[in-house]
Amino acid sequence: MRQDYFKNLFDHATKSISSSKFVRTALFGLALLAPAGLAEAQTLASLPPAAHSITDMGSAKPILGWVKFCENFPAECAVNTAEPQTIELTPQVWKLITSVNQRVNANVKAVTDADHWGVVDIWGFPDDGKGDCEDFQLLKRRILAESGLPRRAMRMTVVIDELGEGHAVLLVRTNQGDYVLDNKTSSVLPWDRTGYVYIKRESQAATGWVSLGGITSPTISSPTTTANR
């Protein structure tokens, strides 16, 4: 998902962070120097530190790539309101979430949609072993849902990253707060420790999207492995 595709959508948020873009990029670069064992250690942890939850701020316009994806995979976008809105986070569930994040990141090669398919933005599964940011997260959600976690609690989310560009992550909503699965790092982080600006996510009430109001994560934690969008 490239900046030009999201330009109109993100203008208001981009202006608010443009002055700190250099600082955000520098901090993110320093964070990449963290010890490689941190992500692996997550799978051994009983539970992560408690996180906060993001509050939505009303409806938002869906991403065009998501709309087309839903036409091809309607079950992936349907919302079953009988499912819980949050996941009960246990040590076993945490290990599953962190393991899936690491495994997908390690086994899918990151390529842009332009290089992969010759189009600006297309959502799908990385069935050929290659994919853009949203493809990573869609695969993670499919695996986690097939493992028994409620799809309703795992929402595709659009953010502005450390470069001021549009990026997709998977927001996992739990009874301990909201955590982010990302192809840029194999550490599963609380949303407010990613350094991202949160624009919108899939709704938990119906097929559609809700606004997150451009809320900014105040700090950047230490990712351990990175991948391009």
Protein backbone atom coordinates (compact mmCIF):
# COMPACT_ATOMS: atom_id res chain seq x y z
CA MET A 1 0.00 0.00 0.00
CA ARG A 2 1.85 3.07 -1.20
CA GLN A 3 1.70 6.72 -0.14
CA ASP A 4 0.27 7.93 -3.45
CA TYR A 5 -2.69 5.60 -3.13
CA PHE A 6 -3.52 6.96 0.32
CA LYS A 7 -2.60 10.59 -0.30
CA ASN A 8 -6.09 12.08 -0.15
CA LEU A 9 -7.12 9.83 2.72
CA PHE A 10 -4.14 10.71 4.88
CA ASP A 11 -3.56 14.39 4.09
CA HIS A 12 -5.03 15.60 7.36
CA ALA A 13 -2.99 13.19 9.45
CA THR A 14 0.20 13.54 7.43
CA LYS A 15 0.23 17.30 7.94
CA SER A 16 -0.01 16.83 11.68
CA ILE A 17 3.06 14.59 11.81
CA SER A 18 5.19 15.98 8.99
CA SER A 19 7.33 18.05 11.34
CA SER A 20 8.30 14.96 13.34
CA LYS A 21 8.84 12.64 10.37
CA PHE A 22 12.63 12.82 10.59
CA VAL A 23 12.58 11.99 14.31
CA ARG A 24 10.12 9.13 13.81
CA THR A 25 12.24 7.62 11.02
CA ALA A 26 15.45 7.92 13.05
CA LEU A 27 13.89 6.28 16.11
CA PHE A 28 12.51 3.46 14.01
CA GLY A 29 15.95 2.87 12.49
CA LEU A 30 17.57 2.72 15.92
CA ALA A 31 14.91 0.29 17.08
CA LEU A 32 15.98 -2.17 14.41
CA LEU A 33 19.23 -2.67 16.29
CA ALA A 34 17.42 -4.53 19.11
CA PRO A 35 18.60 -8.06 20.01
CA ALA A 36 17.23 -10.68 17.63
CA GLY A 37 16.04 -12.87 20.49
CA LEU A 38 13.29 -10.52 21.66
CA ALA A 39 10.59 -11.76 19.28
CA GLU A 40 11.41 -15.38 19.99
CA ALA A 41 11.24 -14.70 23.72
CA GLN A 42 7.64 -13.57 23.33
CA THR A 43 6.55 -17.13 22.64
CA LEU A 44 7.97 -18.14 26.03
CA ALA A 45 6.31 -15.33 27.97
CA SER A 46 3.27 -16.19 30.06
CA LEU A 47 1.43 -13.03 29.05
CA PRO A 48 2.44 -9.66 27.57
CA PRO A 49 2.18 -6.40 29.50
CA ALA A 50 -1.38 -5.11 29.52
CA ALA A 51 -2.26 -2.77 26.66
CA HIS A 52 -4.94 -0.15 26.11
CA SER A 53 -7.87 -0.42 23.71
CA ILE A 54 -8.52 1.96 20.81
CA THR A 55 -11.94 3.59 20.66
CA ASP A 56 -13.55 3.97 17.26
CA MET A 57 -15.05 7.30 16.19
CA GLY A 58 -17.85 6.39 13.80
CA SER A 59 -18.01 4.97 10.30
CA ALA A 60 -15.28 5.35 7.68
CA LYS A 61 -14.97 4.74 3.95
CA PRO A 62 -13.67 1.27 3.08
CA ILE A 63 -10.41 0.73 1.22
CA LEU A 64 -11.08 -0.04 -2.45
CA GLY A 65 -8.67 -2.98 -2.38
CA TRP A 66 -10.58 -4.39 0.59
CA VAL A 67 -13.92 -4.02 -1.23
CA LYS A 68 -12.64 -6.04 -4.17
CA PHE A 69 -11.09 -8.59 -1.81
CA CYS A 70 -14.46 -9.03 -0.11
CA GLU A 71 -16.12 -9.70 -3.46
CA ASN A 72 -13.70 -12.60 -3.96
CA PHE A 73 -13.61 -13.78 -0.33
CA PRO A 74 -16.91 -12.74 1.29
CA ALA A 75 -16.44 -15.02 4.30
CA GLU A 76 -13.22 -13.18 5.16
CA CYS A 77 -15.11 -9.91 5.52
CA ALA A 78 -18.38 -11.08 7.06
CA VAL A 79 -18.94 -10.14 10.71
CA ASN A 80 -20.50 -12.77 12.94
CA THR A 81 -21.94 -10.82 15.86
CA ALA A 82 -22.34 -14.06 17.79
CA GLU A 83 -18.56 -14.16 18.14
CA PRO A 84 -16.92 -12.29 21.03
CA GLN A 85 -15.43 -8.86 20.27
CA THR A 86 -12.29 -9.63 22.25
CA ILE A 87 -10.04 -12.64 22.68
CA GLU A 88 -9.49 -14.10 26.15
CA LEU A 89 -5.73 -13.85 26.35
CA THR A 90 -4.12 -16.92 27.93
CA PRO A 91 -0.48 -18.03 27.74
CA GLN A 92 -1.47 -20.59 25.10
CA VAL A 93 -3.31 -18.03 23.00
CA TRP A 94 -0.44 -15.55 23.30
CA LYS A 95 2.02 -18.21 22.15
CA LEU A 96 -0.23 -18.99 19.18
CA ILE A 97 -0.51 -15.32 18.17
CA THR A 98 3.22 -14.60 18.43
CA SER A 99 4.17 -17.85 16.68
CA VAL A 100 1.86 -17.19 13.73
CA ASN A 101 3.18 -13.64 13.39
CA GLN A 102 6.78 -14.86 13.32
CA ARG A 103 6.08 -17.80 11.00
CA VAL A 104 4.25 -15.78 8.35
CA ASN A 105 6.85 -13.01 8.44
CA ALA A 106 9.62 -15.55 7.97
CA ASN A 107 7.98 -17.44 5.11
CA VAL A 108 6.46 -14.72 2.95
CA LYS A 109 8.63 -12.47 0.80
CA ALA A 110 7.59 -8.81 0.92
CA VAL A 111 6.99 -7.22 -2.49
CA THR A 112 4.89 -4.22 -3.47
CA ASP A 113 1.70 -4.74 -5.44
CA ALA A 114 3.21 -2.69 -8.27
CA ASP A 115 6.16 -5.08 -8.56
CA HIS A 116 4.08 -8.18 -7.91
CA TRP A 117 0.93 -7.54 -9.95
CA GLY A 118 1.53 -4.29 -11.81
CA VAL A 119 -1.23 -2.43 -9.93
CA VAL A 120 -1.17 0.15 -7.15
CA ASP A 121 -3.11 -1.83 -4.54
CA ILE A 122 -4.68 -5.27 -4.48
CA TRP A 123 -5.64 -7.30 -1.41
CA GLY A 124 -5.28 -11.07 -1.29
CA PHE A 125 -3.41 -14.02 0.16
CA PRO A 126 0.30 -14.59 -0.55
CA ASP A 127 -0.34 -18.01 -2.05
CA ASP A 128 2.80 -17.80 -4.19
CA GLY A 129 4.95 -16.87 -1.19
CA LYS A 130 4.99 -13.15 -1.98
CA GLY A 131 2.81 -10.31 -0.77
CA ASP A 132 2.23 -6.73 0.31
CA CYS A 133 1.61 -5.66 3.92
CA GLU A 134 -2.11 -6.44 3.87
CA ASP A 135 -1.46 -9.90 2.37
CA PHE A 136 0.75 -10.80 5.34
CA GLN A 137 -1.93 -9.76 7.82
CA LEU A 138 -4.80 -11.45 5.96
CA LEU A 139 -2.88 -14.73 6.01
CA LYS A 140 -2.16 -14.37 9.73
CA ARG A 141 -5.84 -13.78 10.45
CA ARG A 142 -6.89 -16.77 8.36
CA ILE A 143 -4.48 -19.04 10.22
CA LEU A 144 -5.54 -17.71 13.62
CA ALA A 145 -9.24 -18.00 12.75
CA GLU A 146 -8.72 -21.58 11.57
CA SER A 147 -7.00 -22.20 14.91
CA GLY A 148 -10.18 -21.17 16.73
CA LEU A 149 -9.76 -17.46 17.49
CA PRO A 150 -12.77 -15.24 16.71
CA ARG A 151 -12.33 -13.41 13.42
CA ARG A 152 -14.46 -10.58 14.80
CA ALA A 153 -11.71 -9.78 17.30
CA MET A 154 -9.04 -9.55 14.60
CA ARG A 155 -9.45 -6.40 12.51
CA MET A 156 -7.50 -5.22 9.49
CA THR A 157 -6.29 -1.72 10.28
CA VAL A 158 -4.84 1.15 8.24
CA VAL A 159 -2.08 3.26 9.75
CA ILE A 160 0.54 5.80 8.72
CA ASP A 161 3.97 4.33 9.34
CA GLU A 162 7.32 5.83 10.36
CA LEU A 163 7.90 7.01 6.77
CA GLY A 164 4.56 8.83 6.59
CA GLU A 165 3.19 6.18 4.23
CA GLY A 166 0.03 4.08 4.29
CA HIS A 167 0.47 0.66 5.87
CA ALA A 168 -1.80 -2.22 6.93
CA VAL A 169 -1.54 -4.16 10.21
CA LEU A 170 -3.74 -6.67 12.02
CA LEU A 171 -5.24 -5.32 15.23
CA VAL A 172 -5.98 -8.13 17.68
CA ARG A 173 -8.46 -7.06 20.33
CA THR A 174 -8.12 -8.89 23.65
CA ASN A 175 -9.31 -8.61 27.22
CA GLN A 176 -5.81 -7.26 27.95
CA GLY A 177 -6.03 -4.51 25.30
CA ASP A 178 -5.25 -4.18 21.58
CA TYR A 179 -2.10 -5.67 20.04
CA VAL A 180 -0.62 -5.33 16.55
CA LEU A 181 0.61 -8.03 14.18
CA ASP A 182 2.88 -6.44 11.60
CA ASN A 183 5.14 -7.63 8.77
CA LYS A 184 7.72 -4.99 9.74
CA THR A 185 8.49 -6.72 13.03
CA SER A 186 8.11 -10.19 14.45
CA SER A 187 7.37 -8.75 17.90
CA VAL A 188 3.66 -8.43 18.65
CA LEU A 189 3.32 -4.97 20.17
CA PRO A 190 0.63 -3.06 22.04
CA TRP A 191 -0.86 -0.62 19.52
CA ASP A 192 0.43 2.37 21.49
CA ARG A 193 4.06 1.19 21.30
CA THR A 194 4.32 1.00 17.52
CA GLY A 195 4.90 4.66 16.64
CA TYR A 196 2.10 4.53 14.04
CA VAL A 197 -0.78 6.91 13.40
CA TYR A 198 -4.05 4.95 13.42
CA ILE A 199 -6.53 5.94 10.71
CA LYS A 200 -9.27 3.29 10.57
CA ARG A 201 -10.07 -0.39 10.98
CA GLU A 202 -12.68 -2.94 9.99
CA SER A 203 -15.88 -2.69 11.98
CA GLN A 204 -16.82 -5.30 14.57
CA ALA A 205 -20.54 -4.59 14.20
CA ALA A 206 -21.06 -5.01 10.44
CA THR A 207 -19.19 -5.39 7.17
CA GLY A 208 -17.49 -2.02 6.82
CA TRP A 209 -14.93 0.25 8.44
CA VAL A 210 -14.75 2.62 11.42
CA SER A 211 -12.55 5.67 11.95
CA LEU A 212 -9.81 5.73 14.59
CA GLY A 213 -9.44 9.49 14.26
CA GLY A 214 -5.73 9.60 13.43
CA ILE A 215 -4.71 8.81 16.99
CA THR A 216 -0.93 8.64 17.34
CA SER A 217 1.05 5.98 19.16
CA PRO A 218 3.43 8.04 21.31
CA THR A 219 6.45 5.76 21.36
CA ILE A 220 8.31 3.25 19.22
CA SER A 221 9.33 -0.06 20.75
CA SER A 222 12.01 -2.37 19.48
CA PRO A 223 11.10 -4.44 16.43
CA THR A 224 13.44 -7.34 15.79
CA THR A 225 12.97 -8.14 12.13
CA THR A 226 11.67 -6.05 9.31
CA ALA A 227 10.12 -6.48 5.91
CA ASN A 228 9.09 -4.07 3.20
CA ARG A 229 5.51 -3.50 2.32
